[in-house]
Amino acid sequence: MFLAKVRGTVVSTSKDERLVGFKLLVVERLGIDGGYVGLPQVAVDTVGAGVGETVLVTGGSSARFAAARTDSPIDSTIVGIVDTVEIGPE
């Protein structure tokens, strides 16, 4: 699981039937300093997140389980909207 920022939305009128009904969002992983790390990816939204929000993202089989679609081609799922993050001193 990792923290990410929602950067945008994806609209796909032609897609695998097992993805029908899911909202797809572009997310970008956040590092410990709050900066972006790695490349953006598409995630299924299960919590009603919006652009600009910080979210919790899970991947792999956990992502499919969280979306309640274990037979779907889902690799990333947004499972929470973050209110605050507190990181203590090293």
N, C-alpha and C. Protein backbone atom coordinates (compact mmCIF):
# COMPACT_ATOMS: atom_id res chain seq x y z
N MET A 1 0.85 -1.17 0.00
CA MET A 1 0.00 0.00 0.00
C MET A 1 0.90 1.23 0.00
N PHE A 2 0.46 2.28 -0.68
CA PHE A 2 1.26 3.49 -0.74
C PHE A 2 0.38 4.73 -0.83
N LEU A 3 0.97 5.88 -0.51
CA LEU A 3 0.30 7.16 -0.63
C LEU A 3 0.47 7.67 -2.05
N ALA A 4 -0.58 8.30 -2.57
CA ALA A 4 -0.52 8.87 -3.91
C ALA A 4 -1.41 10.09 -3.98
N LYS A 5 -1.17 10.90 -4.98
CA LYS A 5 -2.01 12.06 -5.26
C LYS A 5 -2.80 11.76 -6.53
N VAL A 6 -4.10 12.06 -6.52
CA VAL A 6 -4.92 11.89 -7.71
C VAL A 6 -4.61 13.05 -8.64
N ARG A 7 -4.13 12.73 -9.84
CA ARG A 7 -3.70 13.75 -10.81
C ARG A 7 -4.73 13.99 -11.90
N GLY A 8 -5.61 13.02 -12.16
CA GLY A 8 -6.58 13.19 -13.24
C GLY A 8 -7.53 12.02 -13.34
N THR A 9 -8.37 12.06 -14.37
CA THR A 9 -9.36 11.02 -14.60
C THR A 9 -9.10 10.34 -15.93
N VAL A 10 -9.64 9.15 -16.08
CA VAL A 10 -9.54 8.40 -17.33
C VAL A 10 -10.96 8.07 -17.77
N VAL A 11 -11.27 8.38 -19.02
CA VAL A 11 -12.56 8.02 -19.61
C VAL A 11 -12.28 7.00 -20.71
N SER A 12 -12.90 5.84 -20.60
CA SER A 12 -12.69 4.77 -21.57
C SER A 12 -14.04 4.15 -21.91
N THR A 13 -14.55 4.45 -23.09
CA THR A 13 -15.85 3.90 -23.47
C THR A 13 -15.73 2.47 -23.98
N SER A 14 -14.54 2.08 -24.39
CA SER A 14 -14.30 0.71 -24.84
C SER A 14 -13.27 0.08 -23.92
N LYS A 15 -13.72 -0.88 -23.11
CA LYS A 15 -12.82 -1.51 -22.14
C LYS A 15 -13.31 -2.91 -21.81
N ASP A 16 -12.49 -3.66 -21.13
CA ASP A 16 -12.87 -5.00 -20.67
C ASP A 16 -14.17 -4.89 -19.89
N GLU A 17 -15.10 -5.79 -20.16
CA GLU A 17 -16.42 -5.74 -19.52
C GLU A 17 -16.35 -5.83 -18.00
N ARG A 18 -15.27 -6.40 -17.47
CA ARG A 18 -15.13 -6.52 -16.02
C ARG A 18 -14.73 -5.20 -15.37
N LEU A 19 -14.44 -4.18 -16.18
CA LEU A 19 -14.12 -2.85 -15.65
C LEU A 19 -15.29 -1.89 -15.75
N VAL A 20 -16.37 -2.32 -16.38
CA VAL A 20 -17.55 -1.47 -16.52
C VAL A 20 -18.09 -1.12 -15.14
N GLY A 21 -18.39 0.15 -14.94
CA GLY A 21 -18.93 0.62 -13.67
C GLY A 21 -17.90 1.18 -12.72
N PHE A 22 -16.63 0.99 -13.03
CA PHE A 22 -15.57 1.53 -12.17
C PHE A 22 -15.13 2.91 -12.65
N LYS A 23 -14.89 3.81 -11.70
CA LYS A 23 -14.27 5.10 -12.02
C LYS A 23 -12.76 4.88 -12.02
N LEU A 24 -12.10 5.35 -13.07
CA LEU A 24 -10.66 5.20 -13.20
C LEU A 24 -9.98 6.54 -13.01
N LEU A 25 -8.95 6.57 -12.18
CA LEU A 25 -8.24 7.81 -11.89
C LEU A 25 -6.74 7.62 -12.13
N VAL A 26 -6.08 8.70 -12.53
CA VAL A 26 -4.63 8.71 -12.66
C VAL A 26 -4.06 9.12 -11.31
N VAL A 27 -3.18 8.27 -10.75
CA VAL A 27 -2.55 8.57 -9.47
C VAL A 27 -1.04 8.57 -9.63
N GLU A 28 -0.38 9.34 -8.79
CA GLU A 28 1.08 9.36 -8.79
C GLU A 28 1.57 9.18 -7.36
N ARG A 29 2.44 8.20 -7.18
CA ARG A 29 2.96 7.85 -5.85
C ARG A 29 3.69 9.03 -5.22
N LEU A 30 3.53 9.16 -3.88
CA LEU A 30 4.20 10.21 -3.13
C LEU A 30 5.33 9.61 -2.29
N GLY A 31 6.46 10.32 -2.24
CA GLY A 31 7.57 9.92 -1.40
C GLY A 31 7.42 10.47 0.00
N ILE A 32 8.34 10.15 0.86
CA ILE A 32 8.29 10.56 2.26
C ILE A 32 8.31 12.08 2.42
N ASP A 33 8.90 12.78 1.45
CA ASP A 33 8.96 14.25 1.50
C ASP A 33 7.76 14.91 0.84
N GLY A 34 6.82 14.11 0.34
CA GLY A 34 5.63 14.65 -0.30
C GLY A 34 5.78 14.89 -1.79
N GLY A 35 6.97 14.64 -2.33
CA GLY A 35 7.19 14.80 -3.77
C GLY A 35 6.77 13.55 -4.53
N TYR A 36 6.62 13.69 -5.84
CA TYR A 36 6.21 12.56 -6.67
C TYR A 36 7.37 11.61 -6.90
N VAL A 37 7.06 10.31 -6.89
CA VAL A 37 8.05 9.26 -7.07
C VAL A 37 7.53 8.31 -8.15
N GLY A 38 8.34 8.04 -9.15
CA GLY A 38 7.94 7.09 -10.18
C GLY A 38 6.98 7.67 -11.19
N LEU A 39 6.39 6.77 -11.96
CA LEU A 39 5.49 7.15 -13.04
C LEU A 39 4.04 7.10 -12.59
N PRO A 40 3.18 7.94 -13.19
CA PRO A 40 1.76 7.87 -12.88
C PRO A 40 1.18 6.52 -13.30
N GLN A 41 0.09 6.11 -12.67
CA GLN A 41 -0.60 4.89 -13.06
C GLN A 41 -2.09 5.08 -12.91
N VAL A 42 -2.84 4.19 -13.51
CA VAL A 42 -4.30 4.24 -13.44
C VAL A 42 -4.75 3.31 -12.32
N ALA A 43 -5.69 3.80 -11.51
CA ALA A 43 -6.22 3.00 -10.40
C ALA A 43 -7.74 3.06 -10.41
N VAL A 44 -8.36 1.97 -10.00
CA VAL A 44 -9.81 1.92 -9.81
C VAL A 44 -10.13 2.64 -8.50
N ASP A 45 -11.16 3.48 -8.54
CA ASP A 45 -11.56 4.23 -7.34
C ASP A 45 -12.75 3.56 -6.67
N THR A 46 -12.58 3.16 -5.41
CA THR A 46 -13.69 2.53 -4.68
C THR A 46 -14.22 3.42 -3.56
N VAL A 47 -13.66 4.62 -3.41
CA VAL A 47 -14.03 5.47 -2.27
C VAL A 47 -14.53 6.86 -2.65
N GLY A 48 -14.64 7.16 -3.93
CA GLY A 48 -15.13 8.47 -4.35
C GLY A 48 -14.10 9.58 -4.28
N ALA A 49 -12.84 9.25 -4.56
CA ALA A 49 -11.77 10.25 -4.52
C ALA A 49 -11.89 11.22 -5.70
N GLY A 50 -11.25 12.37 -5.54
CA GLY A 50 -11.27 13.37 -6.60
C GLY A 50 -9.88 13.88 -6.90
N VAL A 51 -9.76 14.60 -7.99
CA VAL A 51 -8.48 15.17 -8.41
C VAL A 51 -7.94 16.08 -7.32
N GLY A 52 -6.65 15.92 -7.02
CA GLY A 52 -5.99 16.73 -6.00
C GLY A 52 -5.95 16.11 -4.63
N GLU A 53 -6.72 15.05 -4.40
CA GLU A 53 -6.74 14.42 -3.08
C GLU A 53 -5.59 13.44 -2.92
N THR A 54 -5.12 13.31 -1.68
CA THR A 54 -4.13 12.30 -1.33
C THR A 54 -4.90 11.04 -0.96
N VAL A 55 -4.45 9.91 -1.50
CA VAL A 55 -5.19 8.66 -1.32
C VAL A 55 -4.25 7.51 -0.95
N LEU A 56 -4.85 6.44 -0.42
CA LEU A 56 -4.15 5.18 -0.18
C LEU A 56 -4.44 4.25 -1.35
N VAL A 57 -3.39 3.67 -1.91
CA VAL A 57 -3.53 2.79 -3.07
C VAL A 57 -2.94 1.43 -2.73
N THR A 58 -3.65 0.38 -3.10
CA THR A 58 -3.13 -0.97 -2.93
C THR A 58 -2.99 -1.60 -4.32
N GLY A 59 -2.12 -2.59 -4.43
CA GLY A 59 -1.87 -3.18 -5.73
C GLY A 59 -1.94 -4.69 -5.74
N GLY A 60 -1.85 -5.26 -6.95
CA GLY A 60 -1.83 -6.71 -7.12
C GLY A 60 -3.13 -7.38 -6.74
N SER A 61 -3.03 -8.58 -6.17
CA SER A 61 -4.24 -9.33 -5.80
C SER A 61 -5.04 -8.59 -4.73
N SER A 62 -4.38 -7.81 -3.89
CA SER A 62 -5.10 -7.01 -2.89
C SER A 62 -5.99 -5.97 -3.56
N ALA A 63 -5.54 -5.43 -4.68
CA ALA A 63 -6.32 -4.44 -5.42
C ALA A 63 -7.59 -5.07 -5.98
N ARG A 64 -7.48 -6.27 -6.51
CA ARG A 64 -8.66 -6.97 -7.04
C ARG A 64 -9.63 -7.32 -5.91
N PHE A 65 -9.09 -7.75 -4.78
CA PHE A 65 -9.92 -8.09 -3.62
C PHE A 65 -10.64 -6.85 -3.10
N ALA A 66 -9.92 -5.73 -3.02
CA ALA A 66 -10.52 -4.48 -2.51
C ALA A 66 -11.64 -3.98 -3.41
N ALA A 67 -11.53 -4.25 -4.70
CA ALA A 67 -12.57 -3.84 -5.65
C ALA A 67 -13.69 -4.86 -5.75
N ALA A 68 -13.59 -5.95 -4.98
CA ALA A 68 -14.59 -7.02 -4.97
C ALA A 68 -14.76 -7.65 -6.34
N ARG A 69 -13.66 -7.71 -7.09
CA ARG A 69 -13.67 -8.32 -8.41
C ARG A 69 -12.39 -9.12 -8.60
N THR A 70 -12.32 -10.29 -8.00
CA THR A 70 -11.09 -11.08 -8.04
C THR A 70 -10.76 -11.60 -9.43
N ASP A 71 -11.72 -11.56 -10.35
CA ASP A 71 -11.47 -12.04 -11.71
C ASP A 71 -11.21 -10.90 -12.70
N SER A 72 -11.03 -9.67 -12.21
CA SER A 72 -10.87 -8.50 -13.07
C SER A 72 -9.40 -8.18 -13.32
N PRO A 73 -9.12 -7.49 -14.43
CA PRO A 73 -7.75 -7.07 -14.74
C PRO A 73 -7.38 -5.77 -14.01
N ILE A 74 -7.49 -5.80 -12.69
CA ILE A 74 -7.21 -4.62 -11.86
C ILE A 74 -5.88 -4.82 -11.17
N ASP A 75 -5.00 -3.81 -11.28
CA ASP A 75 -3.70 -3.89 -10.63
C ASP A 75 -3.52 -2.86 -9.53
N SER A 76 -4.34 -1.79 -9.53
CA SER A 76 -4.27 -0.75 -8.50
C SER A 76 -5.67 -0.30 -8.13
N THR A 77 -5.92 -0.19 -6.82
CA THR A 77 -7.22 0.26 -6.33
C THR A 77 -7.02 1.30 -5.24
N ILE A 78 -7.78 2.39 -5.33
CA ILE A 78 -7.78 3.41 -4.29
C ILE A 78 -8.70 2.91 -3.18
N VAL A 79 -8.14 2.78 -1.97
CA VAL A 79 -8.91 2.21 -0.86
C VAL A 79 -9.15 3.19 0.28
N GLY A 80 -8.64 4.41 0.18
CA GLY A 80 -8.86 5.39 1.23
C GLY A 80 -8.49 6.79 0.79
N ILE A 81 -9.16 7.77 1.37
CA ILE A 81 -8.82 9.18 1.17
C ILE A 81 -8.14 9.65 2.44
N VAL A 82 -6.96 10.23 2.30
CA VAL A 82 -6.12 10.61 3.44
C VAL A 82 -6.50 12.02 3.90
N ASP A 83 -6.71 12.16 5.21
CA ASP A 83 -6.97 13.48 5.79
C ASP A 83 -5.66 14.17 6.15
N THR A 84 -4.79 13.48 6.87
CA THR A 84 -3.50 14.05 7.24
C THR A 84 -2.44 12.95 7.27
N VAL A 85 -1.20 13.39 7.13
CA VAL A 85 -0.05 12.48 7.26
C VAL A 85 0.91 13.15 8.22
N GLU A 86 1.33 12.42 9.25
CA GLU A 86 2.30 12.93 10.20
C GLU A 86 3.51 12.00 10.20
N ILE A 87 4.67 12.58 9.97
CA ILE A 87 5.90 11.80 9.95
C ILE A 87 6.81 12.37 11.02
N GLY A 88 7.26 11.49 11.92
CA GLY A 88 8.10 11.92 13.02
C GLY A 88 9.55 12.14 12.58
N PRO A 89 10.35 12.67 13.50
CA PRO A 89 11.78 12.90 13.20
C PRO A 89 12.51 11.59 13.02
N GLU A 90 13.61 11.65 12.32
CA GLU A 90 14.41 10.44 12.09
C GLU A 90 15.10 9.98 13.33
